[in-house]
Structure formats: C-alpha cells, structure tokens
Amino acid sequence: MYGVCLIRAGFRLLTAQSPTEGFALAVNEQPDVVIVDVRLRAGPDALTFTTKLRLDARTNSMRIIVLTGDAFATDRAKAVAAGCDVFLTKPCLPQVLTQHAQTLFEPRAPGPD
C-alpha cells in the first residue's frame, strides 16, 4: 500500500529484500529518498543499514525515512543516531509517508554534459 501511494505521487519505486541488496541499489541507482523498515528480514538490522548509508561517500547525502512499529523514545533516538532524517511509527497512513518523502525530496542538480 505504501508503494502504490508513492508511485501515484510520482516516485519511481525500487525495492530490496535485504540490507545488502538495498545498499547495492542505493549505490547503483542513487535514489533521493530511502525508506527503511526497521524489521528487515535478512542480514544486518535496519539501523546498521542506515548507518552504513551515512558513512559511505556514495550514499551519505541520501535522505532516509525509518518506518517502524517500535514507538518508544529510545527507538527514535537510536534511529536518529543512525542517521535517519524522519522517524515514522506504524501504523502510518500511506499519505503521511508520501508527504514526508515529498518534503525530503530535493531534485539533484544536473551534472556536467
């Protein structure tokens, strides 16, 4: 449901099944906004993934939204410390996620021809 709402808002959606796949997509596709679910199923946890994005020169400027069912203040603090720009808790309306993605989206300057 999140993907459908993002596509309708004009975003091109890329999905990954693991942090390793997500990192490769981020490096290769250079998305402007990355949405990370804290409950990733395989590989490193989402906050480790978020930190990895922030520490790599190829991905450190990407905007990151962390989406989670963990709503404690300590969870928010951990996500912010890992480098997220926005922390959203589930249930989260798709329109709310889309609005945050639109707010974070900053078109990239055209490269040299």
Protein backbone atom coordinates (compact mmCIF):
# COMPACT_ATOMS: atom_id res chain seq x y z
CA MET A 1 0.00 0.00 0.00
CA TYR A 2 2.92 2.34 0.66
CA GLY A 3 4.40 1.60 -2.75
CA VAL A 4 1.15 2.30 -4.56
CA CYS A 5 0.79 5.66 -2.84
CA LEU A 6 4.40 6.61 -3.60
CA ILE A 7 4.03 5.64 -7.28
CA ARG A 8 0.81 7.65 -7.56
CA ALA A 9 2.71 10.64 -6.16
CA GLY A 10 5.23 10.31 -8.97
CA PHE A 11 8.04 8.42 -7.27
CA ARG A 12 9.88 5.59 -9.01
CA LEU A 13 9.88 2.70 -6.58
CA LEU A 14 12.85 0.40 -6.04
CA THR A 15 12.54 -2.45 -3.56
CA ALA A 16 15.09 -4.67 -1.89
CA GLN A 17 14.68 -7.88 0.07
CA SER A 18 17.73 -7.40 2.29
CA PRO A 19 20.03 -4.64 3.52
CA THR A 20 22.78 -5.96 1.25
CA GLU A 21 20.52 -5.71 -1.79
CA GLY A 22 19.25 -2.32 -0.60
CA PHE A 23 22.76 -0.94 -0.27
CA ALA A 24 23.68 -2.13 -3.77
CA LEU A 25 20.52 -0.48 -5.14
CA ALA A 26 21.31 2.74 -3.29
CA VAL A 27 24.85 2.84 -4.69
CA ASN A 28 23.82 1.95 -8.25
CA GLU A 29 20.53 3.88 -8.56
CA GLN A 30 21.28 6.91 -6.33
CA PRO A 31 17.73 7.48 -5.04
CA ASP A 32 16.91 10.79 -3.44
CA VAL A 33 14.87 9.19 -0.65
CA VAL A 34 15.39 5.81 1.04
CA ILE A 35 12.63 4.29 3.15
CA VAL A 36 13.87 1.69 5.62
CA ASP A 37 11.64 -0.65 7.61
CA VAL A 38 13.26 -1.41 10.97
CA ARG A 39 12.07 -5.01 10.82
CA LEU A 40 14.23 -6.08 7.89
CA ARG A 41 14.15 -9.83 7.42
CA ALA A 42 17.67 -10.72 6.36
CA GLY A 43 21.19 -9.54 7.01
CA PRO A 44 22.17 -6.56 9.17
CA ASP A 45 19.42 -4.71 11.00
CA ALA A 46 17.89 -1.57 9.56
CA LEU A 47 19.75 0.85 11.79
CA THR A 48 23.09 -0.74 10.86
CA PHE A 49 21.99 -0.35 7.23
CA THR A 50 21.08 3.30 7.86
CA THR A 51 24.47 3.95 9.46
CA LYS A 52 26.20 2.28 6.51
CA LEU A 53 24.37 4.61 4.10
CA ARG A 54 25.50 7.62 6.14
CA LEU A 55 29.14 6.52 6.34
CA ASP A 56 29.61 5.78 2.64
CA ALA A 57 30.54 8.76 0.43
CA ARG A 58 28.38 7.37 -2.39
CA THR A 59 25.20 7.37 -0.28
CA ASN A 60 25.70 9.79 2.60
CA SER A 61 23.60 12.58 1.11
CA MET A 62 20.53 10.41 0.58
CA ARG A 63 17.50 11.30 2.66
CA ILE A 64 16.38 8.43 4.91
CA ILE A 65 12.97 7.69 6.38
CA VAL A 66 12.82 4.98 9.04
CA LEU A 67 9.44 3.26 9.30
CA THR A 68 8.86 1.08 12.35
CA GLY A 69 6.39 -0.46 14.75
CA ASP A 70 8.79 0.36 17.60
CA ALA A 71 7.44 3.58 19.05
CA PHE A 72 9.49 4.13 22.20
CA ALA A 73 11.57 7.28 22.63
CA THR A 74 14.71 5.11 22.77
CA ASP A 75 13.84 3.66 19.34
CA ARG A 76 13.55 7.16 17.89
CA ALA A 77 16.86 8.16 19.49
CA LYS A 78 18.61 5.10 18.03
CA ALA A 79 17.23 5.83 14.55
CA VAL A 80 18.28 9.48 14.72
CA ALA A 81 21.74 8.46 15.96
CA ALA A 82 21.99 6.06 12.99
CA GLY A 83 21.32 8.99 10.65
CA CYS A 84 17.68 8.97 9.68
CA ASP A 85 16.01 12.20 8.63
CA VAL A 86 12.47 11.15 9.54
CA PHE A 87 11.23 8.54 12.05
CA LEU A 88 7.67 7.29 11.44
CA THR A 89 5.81 4.74 13.52
CA LYS A 90 3.34 2.16 12.24
CA PRO A 91 0.53 2.22 11.72
CA CYS A 92 1.35 5.06 9.40
CA LEU A 93 -1.05 6.21 6.72
CA PRO A 94 0.47 5.89 3.24
CA GLN A 95 -0.31 9.55 2.61
CA VAL A 96 1.78 10.56 5.65
CA LEU A 97 4.77 8.58 4.40
CA THR A 98 4.34 10.05 0.92
CA GLN A 99 4.13 13.58 2.31
CA HIS A 100 7.40 13.12 4.21
CA ALA A 101 9.08 11.67 1.11
CA GLN A 102 7.91 14.66 -0.93
CA THR A 103 9.17 17.06 1.73
CA LEU A 104 12.61 15.40 1.77
CA PHE A 105 12.88 15.11 -1.99
CA GLU A 106 15.34 17.59 -3.40
CA PRO A 107 15.93 17.32 -7.13
CA ARG A 108 19.59 16.82 -7.92
CA ALA A 109 21.41 19.47 -9.86
CA PRO A 110 22.09 18.40 -13.45
CA GLY A 111 25.57 17.03 -13.98
CA PRO A 112 28.04 18.42 -16.50
CA ASP A 113 27.29 17.48 -20.10
